[in-house]
Amino acid sequence: MDNKKFGKFILQLRKEKGWTQQEFADKIFVTDKAVSKWERGLYFPDISLTIPIAELFSISVSELLKGEKNENESINEK
């Protein structure tokens, strides 16, 4: 996994929703500082957060981890 690509993807998804870092952080019970570190590619979220994050953004966990949407992915896989 590419830290920078992942961070840019999280940033893009968050902005598409119109959320601030704080609003996003509140939804998954982390700090805005943690979100900032993810978006800058310094850290990855804890593995336990991958499903809640994917669900918030209506993407699959594999898309989240790859750092890109897969337009061909089946809705059933999400």
PDB file of N, CA and C in Angstrom:
ATOM      1  N   MET A   1       0.847  -1.181   0.000  1.00  0.00           N
ATOM      2  CA  MET A   1       0.000   0.000   0.000  1.00  0.00           C
ATOM      3  C   MET A   1       0.887   1.237   0.000  1.00  0.00           C
ATOM      4  N   ASP A   2       0.429   2.228  -0.695  1.00  0.00           N
ATOM      5  CA  ASP A   2       1.154   3.480  -0.845  1.00  0.00           C
ATOM      6  C   ASP A   2       0.565   4.528   0.100  1.00  0.00           C
ATOM      7  N   ASN A   3       1.366   4.965   1.054  1.00  0.00           N
ATOM      8  CA  ASN A   3       0.896   5.928   2.058  1.00  0.00           C
ATOM      9  C   ASN A   3       0.329   7.197   1.427  1.00  0.00           C
ATOM     10  N   LYS A   4       1.065   7.761   0.492  1.00  0.00           N
ATOM     11  CA  LYS A   4       0.654   9.030  -0.120  1.00  0.00           C
ATOM     12  C   LYS A   4      -0.630   8.864  -0.936  1.00  0.00           C
ATOM     13  N   LYS A   5      -0.711   7.778  -1.695  1.00  0.00           N
ATOM     14  CA  LYS A   5      -1.904   7.518  -2.506  1.00  0.00           C
ATOM     15  C   LYS A   5      -3.125   7.320  -1.613  1.00  0.00           C
ATOM     16  N   PHE A   6      -2.941   6.565  -0.548  1.00  0.00           N
ATOM     17  CA  PHE A   6      -4.020   6.335   0.408  1.00  0.00           C
ATOM     18  C   PHE A   6      -4.480   7.667   1.001  1.00  0.00           C
ATOM     19  N   GLY A   7      -3.532   8.482   1.413  1.00  0.00           N
ATOM     20  CA  GLY A   7      -3.861   9.775   2.013  1.00  0.00           C
ATOM     21  C   GLY A   7      -4.620  10.685   1.076  1.00  0.00           C
ATOM     22  N   LYS A   8      -4.179  10.754  -0.164  1.00  0.00           N
ATOM     23  CA  LYS A   8      -4.875  11.587  -1.157  1.00  0.00           C
ATOM     24  C   LYS A   8      -6.288  11.082  -1.405  1.00  0.00           C
ATOM     25  N   PHE A   9      -6.452   9.770  -1.386  1.00  0.00           N
ATOM     26  CA  PHE A   9      -7.760   9.167  -1.609  1.00  0.00           C
ATOM     27  C   PHE A   9      -8.714   9.511  -0.467  1.00  0.00           C
ATOM     28  N   ILE A  10      -8.240   9.372   0.769  1.00  0.00           N
ATOM     29  CA  ILE A  10      -9.065   9.726   1.933  1.00  0.00           C
ATOM     30  C   ILE A  10      -9.452  11.208   1.859  1.00  0.00           C
ATOM     31  N   LEU A  11      -8.499  12.045   1.524  1.00  0.00           N
ATOM     32  CA  LEU A  11      -8.766  13.483   1.391  1.00  0.00           C
ATOM     33  C   LEU A  11      -9.831  13.741   0.336  1.00  0.00           C
ATOM     34  N   GLN A  12      -9.691  13.106  -0.808  1.00  0.00           N
ATOM     35  CA  GLN A  12     -10.656  13.268  -1.903  1.00  0.00           C
ATOM     36  C   GLN A  12     -12.054  12.833  -1.473  1.00  0.00           C
ATOM     37  N   LEU A  13     -12.150  11.672  -0.850  1.00  0.00           N
ATOM     38  CA  LEU A  13     -13.448  11.155  -0.416  1.00  0.00           C
ATOM     39  C   LEU A  13     -14.090  12.070   0.625  1.00  0.00           C
ATOM     40  N   ARG A  14     -13.282  12.550   1.557  1.00  0.00           N
ATOM     41  CA  ARG A  14     -13.797  13.436   2.596  1.00  0.00           C
ATOM     42  C   ARG A  14     -14.316  14.737   1.994  1.00  0.00           C
ATOM     43  N   LYS A  15     -13.571  15.297   1.064  1.00  0.00           N
ATOM     44  CA  LYS A  15     -13.993  16.551   0.439  1.00  0.00           C
ATOM     45  C   LYS A  15     -15.245  16.364  -0.415  1.00  0.00           C
ATOM     46  N   GLU A  16     -15.371  15.200  -1.064  1.00  0.00           N
ATOM     47  CA  GLU A  16     -16.578  14.911  -1.844  1.00  0.00           C
ATOM     48  C   GLU A  16     -17.819  14.941  -0.954  1.00  0.00           C
ATOM     49  N   LYS A  17     -17.652  14.522   0.298  1.00  0.00           N
ATOM     50  CA  LYS A  17     -18.764  14.544   1.253  1.00  0.00           C
ATOM     51  C   LYS A  17     -18.968  15.933   1.856  1.00  0.00           C
ATOM     52  N   GLY A  18     -17.996  16.820   1.664  1.00  0.00           N
ATOM     53  CA  GLY A  18     -18.092  18.166   2.221  1.00  0.00           C
ATOM     54  C   GLY A  18     -17.811  18.220   3.711  1.00  0.00           C
ATOM     55  N   TRP A  19     -17.062  17.237   4.205  1.00  0.00           N
ATOM     56  CA  TRP A  19     -16.766  17.172   5.631  1.00  0.00           C
ATOM     57  C   TRP A  19     -15.421  17.806   5.941  1.00  0.00           C
ATOM     58  N   THR A  20     -15.334  18.430   7.106  1.00  0.00           N
ATOM     59  CA  THR A  20     -14.044  18.868   7.614  1.00  0.00           C
ATOM     60  C   THR A  20     -13.344  17.641   8.197  1.00  0.00           C
ATOM     61  N   GLN A  21     -12.067  17.791   8.510  1.00  0.00           N
ATOM     62  CA  GLN A  21     -11.360  16.686   9.156  1.00  0.00           C
ATOM     63  C   GLN A  21     -12.018  16.344  10.490  1.00  0.00           C
ATOM     64  N   GLN A  22     -12.455  17.367  11.206  1.00  0.00           N
ATOM     65  CA  GLN A  22     -13.098  17.143  12.502  1.00  0.00           C
ATOM     66  C   GLN A  22     -14.415  16.387  12.347  1.00  0.00           C
ATOM     67  N   GLU A  23     -15.210  16.765  11.350  1.00  0.00           N
ATOM     68  CA  GLU A  23     -16.494  16.079  11.130  1.00  0.00           C
ATOM     69  C   GLU A  23     -16.274  14.607  10.791  1.00  0.00           C
ATOM     70  N   PHE A  24     -15.305  14.339   9.925  1.00  0.00           N
ATOM     71  CA  PHE A  24     -14.989  12.961   9.563  1.00  0.00           C
ATOM     72  C   PHE A  24     -14.483  12.208  10.791  1.00  0.00           C
ATOM     73  N   ALA A  25     -13.574  12.819  11.527  1.00  0.00           N
ATOM     74  CA  ALA A  25     -13.014  12.188  12.726  1.00  0.00           C
ATOM     75  C   ALA A  25     -14.098  11.838  13.736  1.00  0.00           C
ATOM     76  N   ASP A  26     -15.046  12.737  13.918  1.00  0.00           N
ATOM     77  CA  ASP A  26     -16.137  12.490  14.869  1.00  0.00           C
ATOM     78  C   ASP A  26     -16.965  11.265  14.483  1.00  0.00           C
ATOM     79  N   LYS A  27     -17.115  11.042  13.191  1.00  0.00           N
ATOM     80  CA  LYS A  27     -17.929   9.925  12.711  1.00  0.00           C
ATOM     81  C   LYS A  27     -17.288   8.569  12.995  1.00  0.00           C
ATOM     82  N   ILE A  28     -15.962   8.541  13.096  1.00  0.00           N
ATOM     83  CA  ILE A  28     -15.271   7.268  13.334  1.00  0.00           C
ATOM     84  C   ILE A  28     -14.532   7.253  14.674  1.00  0.00           C
ATOM     85  N   PHE A  29     -14.825   8.255  15.499  1.00  0.00           N
ATOM     86  CA  PHE A  29     -14.322   8.306  16.873  1.00  0.00           C
ATOM     87  C   PHE A  29     -12.803   8.342  16.977  1.00  0.00           C
ATOM     88  N   VAL A  30     -12.195   9.201  16.147  1.00  0.00           N
ATOM     89  CA  VAL A  30     -10.761   9.472  16.235  1.00  0.00           C
ATOM     90  C   VAL A  30     -10.585  10.985  16.308  1.00  0.00           C
ATOM     91  N   THR A  31      -9.354  11.428  16.405  1.00  0.00           N
ATOM     92  CA  THR A  31      -9.101  12.871  16.446  1.00  0.00           C
ATOM     93  C   THR A  31      -8.886  13.412  15.040  1.00  0.00           C
ATOM     94  N   ASP A  32      -9.072  14.712  14.901  1.00  0.00           N
ATOM     95  CA  ASP A  32      -8.789  15.344  13.613  1.00  0.00           C
ATOM     96  C   ASP A  32      -7.298  15.272  13.305  1.00  0.00           C
ATOM     97  N   LYS A  33      -6.488  15.179  14.322  1.00  0.00           N
ATOM     98  CA  LYS A  33      -5.027  15.039  14.124  1.00  0.00           C
ATOM     99  C   LYS A  33      -4.713  13.706  13.449  1.00  0.00           C
ATOM    100  N   ALA A  34      -5.427  12.653  13.840  1.00  0.00           N
ATOM    101  CA  ALA A  34      -5.232  11.339  13.210  1.00  0.00           C
ATOM    102  C   ALA A  34      -5.597  11.415  11.730  1.00  0.00           C
ATOM    103  N   VAL A  35      -6.725  12.042  11.425  1.00  0.00           N
ATOM    104  CA  VAL A  35      -7.163  12.189  10.032  1.00  0.00           C
ATOM    105  C   VAL A  35      -6.121  12.973   9.243  1.00  0.00           C
ATOM    106  N   SER A  36      -5.599  14.020   9.827  1.00  0.00           N
ATOM    107  CA  SER A  36      -4.564  14.820   9.168  1.00  0.00           C
ATOM    108  C   SER A  36      -3.342  13.977   8.832  1.00  0.00           C
ATOM    109  N   LYS A  37      -2.928  13.142   9.759  1.00  0.00           N
ATOM    110  CA  LYS A  37      -1.760  12.280   9.526  1.00  0.00           C
ATOM    111  C   LYS A  37      -2.034  11.274   8.412  1.00  0.00           C
ATOM    112  N   TRP A  38      -3.257  10.748   8.364  1.00  0.00           N
ATOM    113  CA  TRP A  38      -3.603   9.820   7.274  1.00  0.00           C
ATOM    114  C   TRP A  38      -3.546  10.543   5.941  1.00  0.00           C
ATOM    115  N   GLU A  39      -4.162  11.711   5.883  1.00  0.00           N
ATOM    116  CA  GLU A  39      -4.251  12.447   4.622  1.00  0.00           C
ATOM    117  C   GLU A  39      -2.888  12.919   4.126  1.00  0.00           C
ATOM    118  N   ARG A  40      -1.963  13.111   5.023  1.00  0.00           N
ATOM    119  CA  ARG A  40      -0.605  13.511   4.625  1.00  0.00           C
ATOM    120  C   ARG A  40       0.279  12.308   4.317  1.00  0.00           C
ATOM    121  N   GLY A  41      -0.276  11.117   4.470  1.00  0.00           N
ATOM    122  CA  GLY A  41       0.468   9.903   4.152  1.00  0.00           C
ATOM    123  C   GLY A  41       1.493   9.521   5.208  1.00  0.00           C
ATOM    124  N   LEU A  42       1.311  10.005   6.424  1.00  0.00           N
ATOM    125  CA  LEU A  42       2.255   9.684   7.492  1.00  0.00           C
ATOM    126  C   LEU A  42       1.909   8.379   8.194  1.00  0.00           C
ATOM    127  N   TYR A  43       0.628   8.078   8.272  1.00  0.00           N
ATOM    128  CA  TYR A  43       0.149   6.886   8.958  1.00  0.00           C
ATOM    129  C   TYR A  43      -1.058   6.318   8.238  1.00  0.00           C
ATOM    130  N   PHE A  44      -1.352   5.053   8.545  1.00  0.00           N
ATOM    131  CA  PHE A  44      -2.585   4.416   8.118  1.00  0.00           C
ATOM    132  C   PHE A  44      -3.503   4.321   9.331  1.00  0.00           C
ATOM    133  N   PRO A  45      -4.810   4.297   9.103  1.00  0.00           N
ATOM    134  CA  PRO A  45      -5.713   4.071  10.236  1.00  0.00           C
ATOM    135  C   PRO A  45      -5.531   2.664  10.787  1.00  0.00           C
ATOM    136  N   ASP A  46      -5.988   2.485  12.013  1.00  0.00           N
ATOM    137  CA  ASP A  46      -5.977   1.167  12.616  1.00  0.00           C
ATOM    138  C   ASP A  46      -6.845   0.245  11.771  1.00  0.00           C
ATOM    139  N   ILE A  47      -6.404  -1.007  11.683  1.00  0.00           N
ATOM    140  CA  ILE A  47      -7.116  -1.980  10.854  1.00  0.00           C
ATOM    141  C   ILE A  47      -8.586  -2.085  11.234  1.00  0.00           C
ATOM    142  N   SER A  48      -8.910  -1.880  12.499  1.00  0.00           N
ATOM    143  CA  SER A  48     -10.301  -1.976  12.944  1.00  0.00           C
ATOM    144  C   SER A  48     -11.185  -0.870  12.377  1.00  0.00           C
ATOM    145  N   LEU A  49     -10.577   0.165  11.814  1.00  0.00           N
ATOM    146  CA  LEU A  49     -11.341   1.281  11.246  1.00  0.00           C
ATOM    147  C   LEU A  49     -11.615   1.135   9.754  1.00  0.00           C
ATOM    148  N   THR A  50     -11.035   0.135   9.113  1.00  0.00           N
ATOM    149  CA  THR A  50     -11.193   0.034   7.658  1.00  0.00           C
ATOM    150  C   THR A  50     -12.638  -0.181   7.236  1.00  0.00           C
ATOM    151  N   ILE A  51     -13.358  -1.028   7.928  1.00  0.00           N
ATOM    152  CA  ILE A  51     -14.759  -1.276   7.557  1.00  0.00           C
ATOM    153  C   ILE A  51     -15.619  -0.039   7.807  1.00  0.00           C
ATOM    154  N   PRO A  52     -15.541   0.591   8.986  1.00  0.00           N
ATOM    155  CA  PRO A  52     -16.349   1.802   9.185  1.00  0.00           C
ATOM    156  C   PRO A  52     -16.020   2.920   8.183  1.00  0.00           C
ATOM    157  N   ILE A  53     -14.749   3.092   7.856  1.00  0.00           N
ATOM    158  CA  ILE A  53     -14.370   4.132   6.889  1.00  0.00           C
ATOM    159  C   ILE A  53     -14.943   3.801   5.513  1.00  0.00           C
ATOM    160  N   ALA A  54     -14.781   2.556   5.085  1.00  0.00           N
ATOM    161  CA  ALA A  54     -15.310   2.136   3.781  1.00  0.00           C
ATOM    162  C   ALA A  54     -16.823   2.330   3.722  1.00  0.00           C
ATOM    163  N   GLU A  55     -17.507   1.971   4.788  1.00  0.00           N
ATOM    164  CA  GLU A  55     -18.965   2.138   4.812  1.00  0.00           C
ATOM    165  C   GLU A  55     -19.368   3.603   4.747  1.00  0.00           C
ATOM    166  N   LEU A  56     -18.652   4.453   5.452  1.00  0.00           N
ATOM    167  CA  LEU A  56     -18.961   5.899   5.412  1.00  0.00           C
ATOM    168  C   LEU A  56     -18.875   6.459   3.996  1.00  0.00           C
ATOM    169  N   PHE A  57     -17.883   5.982   3.253  1.00  0.00           N
ATOM    170  CA  PHE A  57     -17.669   6.491   1.902  1.00  0.00           C
ATOM    171  C   PHE A  57     -18.328   5.636   0.819  1.00  0.00           C
ATOM    172  N   SER A  58     -19.077   4.624   1.225  1.00  0.00           N
ATOM    173  CA  SER A  58     -19.779   3.724   0.292  1.00  0.00           C
ATOM    174  C   SER A  58     -18.832   3.114  -0.737  1.00  0.00           C
ATOM    175  N   ILE A  59     -17.716   2.630  -0.232  1.00  0.00           N
ATOM    176  CA  ILE A  59     -16.750   1.927  -1.076  1.00  0.00           C
ATOM    177  C   ILE A  59     -16.407   0.611  -0.403  1.00  0.00           C
ATOM    178  N   SER A  60     -15.722  -0.257  -1.121  1.00  0.00           N
ATOM    179  CA  SER A  60     -15.305  -1.523  -0.526  1.00  0.00           C
ATOM    180  C   SER A  60     -14.004  -1.317   0.255  1.00  0.00           C
ATOM    181  N   VAL A  61     -13.717  -2.250   1.124  1.00  0.00           N
ATOM    182  CA  VAL A  61     -12.461  -2.195   1.867  1.00  0.00           C
ATOM    183  C   VAL A  61     -11.284  -2.310   0.901  1.00  0.00           C
ATOM    184  N   SER A  62     -11.423  -3.131  -0.123  1.00  0.00           N
ATOM    185  CA  SER A  62     -10.318  -3.267  -1.087  1.00  0.00           C
ATOM    186  C   SER A  62     -10.068  -1.954  -1.825  1.00  0.00           C
ATOM    187  N   GLU A  63     -11.122  -1.231  -2.173  1.00  0.00           N
ATOM    188  CA  GLU A  63     -10.940   0.078  -2.802  1.00  0.00           C
ATOM    189  C   GLU A  63     -10.234   1.032  -1.847  1.00  0.00           C
ATOM    190  N   LEU A  64     -10.640   1.008  -0.595  1.00  0.00           N
ATOM    191  CA  LEU A  64     -10.015   1.865   0.408  1.00  0.00           C
ATOM    192  C   LEU A  64      -8.525   1.574   0.510  1.00  0.00           C
ATOM    193  N   LEU A  65      -8.195   0.302   0.613  1.00  0.00           N
ATOM    194  CA  LEU A  65      -6.796  -0.078   0.773  1.00  0.00           C
ATOM    195  C   LEU A  65      -5.964   0.184  -0.478  1.00  0.00           C
ATOM    196  N   LYS A  66      -6.570   0.059  -1.650  1.00  0.00           N
ATOM    197  CA  LYS A  66      -5.864   0.354  -2.904  1.00  0.00           C
ATOM    198  C   LYS A  66      -5.699   1.847  -3.124  1.00  0.00           C
ATOM    199  N   GLY A  67      -6.586   2.634  -2.510  1.00  0.00           N
ATOM    200  CA  GLY A  67      -6.519   4.081  -2.683  1.00  0.00           C
ATOM    201  C   GLY A  67      -7.137   4.552  -3.981  1.00  0.00           C
ATOM    202  N   GLU A  68      -8.079   3.770  -4.510  1.00  0.00           N
ATOM    203  CA  GLU A  68      -8.771   4.166  -5.738  1.00  0.00           C
ATOM    204  C   GLU A  68     -10.076   3.402  -5.862  1.00  0.00           C
ATOM    205  N   LYS A  69     -11.029   4.056  -6.527  1.00  0.00           N
ATOM    206  CA  LYS A  69     -12.310   3.402  -6.768  1.00  0.00           C
ATOM    207  C   LYS A  69     -12.182   2.461  -7.948  1.00  0.00           C
ATOM    208  N   ASN A  70     -12.871   1.343  -7.850  1.00  0.00           N
ATOM    209  CA  ASN A  70     -12.926   0.379  -8.932  1.00  0.00           C
ATOM    210  C   ASN A  70     -14.335   0.425  -9.474  1.00  0.00           C
ATOM    211  N   GLU A  71     -14.517   1.096 -10.579  1.00  0.00           N
ATOM    212  CA  GLU A  71     -15.850   1.280 -11.162  1.00  0.00           C
ATOM    213  C   GLU A  71     -16.497  -0.031 -11.567  1.00  0.00           C
ATOM    214  N   ASN A  72     -15.706  -1.074 -11.766  1.00  0.00           N
ATOM    215  CA  ASN A  72     -16.250  -2.365 -12.200  1.00  0.00           C
ATOM    216  C   ASN A  72     -16.625  -3.263 -11.037  1.00  0.00           C
ATOM    217  N   GLU A  73     -16.338  -2.832  -9.815  1.00  0.00           N
ATOM    218  CA  GLU A  73     -16.612  -3.682  -8.658  1.00  0.00           C
ATOM    219  C   GLU A  73     -18.109  -3.825  -8.448  1.00  0.00           C
ATOM    220  N   SER A  74     -18.507  -5.031  -8.175  1.00  0.00           N
ATOM    221  CA  SER A  74     -19.912  -5.335  -7.967  1.00  0.00           C
ATOM    222  C   SER A  74     -20.441  -4.688  -6.697  1.00  0.00           C
ATOM    223  N   ILE A  75     -21.652  -4.231  -6.743  1.00  0.00           N
ATOM    224  CA  ILE A  75     -22.284  -3.630  -5.563  1.00  0.00           C
ATOM    225  C   ILE A  75     -22.372  -4.648  -4.438  1.00  0.00           C
ATOM    226  N   ASN A  76     -22.463  -5.942  -4.771  1.00  0.00           N
ATOM    227  CA  ASN A  76     -22.542  -6.987  -3.754  1.00  0.00           C
ATOM    228  C   ASN A  76     -21.253  -7.131  -2.964  1.00  0.00           C
ATOM    229  N   GLU A  77     -20.132  -6.741  -3.558  1.00  0.00           N
ATOM    230  CA  GLU A  77     -18.863  -6.823  -2.882  1.00  0.00           C
ATOM    231  C   GLU A  77     -18.679  -5.687  -1.896  1.00  0.00           C
ATOM    232  N   LYS A  78     -19.490  -4.666  -2.031  1.00  0.00           N
ATOM    233  CA  LYS A  78     -19.398  -3.510  -1.152  1.00  0.00           C
ATOM    234  C   LYS A  78     -20.219  -3.794   0.058  1.00  0.00           C
TER     235      LYS A  78
END
